[in-house]
Amino acid sequence: MSIFLSYGLGIVTLVLSWFLLKDLLLASIVVFTSSSIFLYFQGPNAIAFSLCLSNGWIILNTIIDKLFPVN
């Protein structure tokens, strides 16, 4: 796989994951954990990194929204 195709698929995965899982906290935690484990054992991968990044951001946003609600 070429580097441009790999990065392109990573960006597409990032956007799709954000829009599809932003309201599903449990699914985001599962995807974040599995992609983190995959990255730990397999090394650099654009798709796994983008899944880890987007779902970590979803988890962080959810926690901050619950700790500091905006009225």
Protein backbone atom coordinates (compact mmCIF):
# COMPACT_ATOMS: atom_id res chain seq x y z
CA MET A 1 0.00 0.00 0.00
CA SER A 2 1.40 3.36 -0.94
CA ILE A 3 1.89 6.02 1.69
CA PHE A 4 -0.65 8.37 0.09
CA LEU A 5 -3.31 5.66 -0.01
CA SER A 6 -2.57 4.77 3.59
CA TYR A 7 -2.87 8.38 4.77
CA GLY A 8 -5.97 8.92 2.65
CA LEU A 9 -7.66 5.90 4.17
CA GLY A 10 -6.61 7.13 7.60
CA ILE A 11 -8.26 10.51 7.02
CA VAL A 12 -11.44 8.89 5.70
CA THR A 13 -11.52 6.56 8.70
CA LEU A 14 -11.02 9.50 11.06
CA VAL A 15 -13.95 11.43 9.61
CA LEU A 16 -16.27 8.42 9.38
CA SER A 17 -15.47 7.28 12.90
CA TRP A 18 -16.11 10.75 14.28
CA PHE A 19 -19.50 11.15 12.60
CA LEU A 20 -20.70 7.58 13.16
CA LEU A 21 -19.61 7.09 16.79
CA LYS A 22 -19.82 10.56 18.35
CA ASP A 23 -23.03 9.72 20.25
CA LEU A 24 -22.06 6.14 21.22
CA LEU A 25 -19.69 6.28 24.19
CA LEU A 26 -19.43 2.54 24.83
CA ALA A 27 -18.70 1.80 21.16
CA SER A 28 -16.05 4.54 21.17
CA ILE A 29 -14.38 3.02 24.22
CA VAL A 30 -14.32 -0.42 22.59
CA VAL A 31 -12.89 0.91 19.32
CA PHE A 32 -10.34 3.06 21.16
CA THR A 33 -9.15 0.11 23.27
CA SER A 34 -8.92 -2.31 20.35
CA SER A 35 -7.14 0.15 18.08
CA SER A 36 -4.69 1.03 20.88
CA ILE A 37 -3.91 -2.66 21.42
CA PHE A 38 -3.47 -3.12 17.67
CA LEU A 39 -1.08 -0.15 17.52
CA TYR A 40 0.90 -1.49 20.47
CA PHE A 41 1.44 -4.91 18.93
CA GLN A 42 1.64 -4.09 15.20
CA GLY A 43 3.36 -0.72 15.19
CA PRO A 44 2.52 2.32 13.04
CA ASN A 45 -0.68 2.09 11.04
CA ALA A 46 -2.60 5.07 9.67
CA ILE A 47 -6.06 3.53 10.02
CA ALA A 48 -5.54 2.27 13.57
CA PHE A 49 -4.03 5.60 14.57
CA SER A 50 -6.95 7.56 13.14
CA LEU A 51 -9.42 5.30 14.96
CA CYS A 52 -7.49 5.78 18.19
CA LEU A 53 -7.34 9.54 17.67
CA SER A 54 -10.99 10.13 16.80
CA ASN A 55 -12.41 7.85 19.46
CA GLY A 56 -10.08 9.23 22.11
CA TRP A 57 -11.35 12.69 21.20
CA ILE A 58 -14.97 11.51 21.49
CA ILE A 59 -14.26 10.03 24.94
CA LEU A 60 -12.49 13.19 26.07
CA ASN A 61 -15.34 15.44 24.86
CA THR A 62 -17.94 13.28 26.60
CA ILE A 63 -16.06 13.31 29.91
CA ILE A 64 -15.53 17.08 29.79
CA ASP A 65 -19.21 17.67 28.92
CA LYS A 66 -20.28 15.59 31.92
CA LEU A 67 -17.84 17.26 34.31
CA PHE A 68 -18.51 20.82 33.19
CA PRO A 69 -22.03 21.05 31.74
CA VAL A 70 -22.90 24.14 29.73
CA ASN A 71 -26.33 25.55 30.54
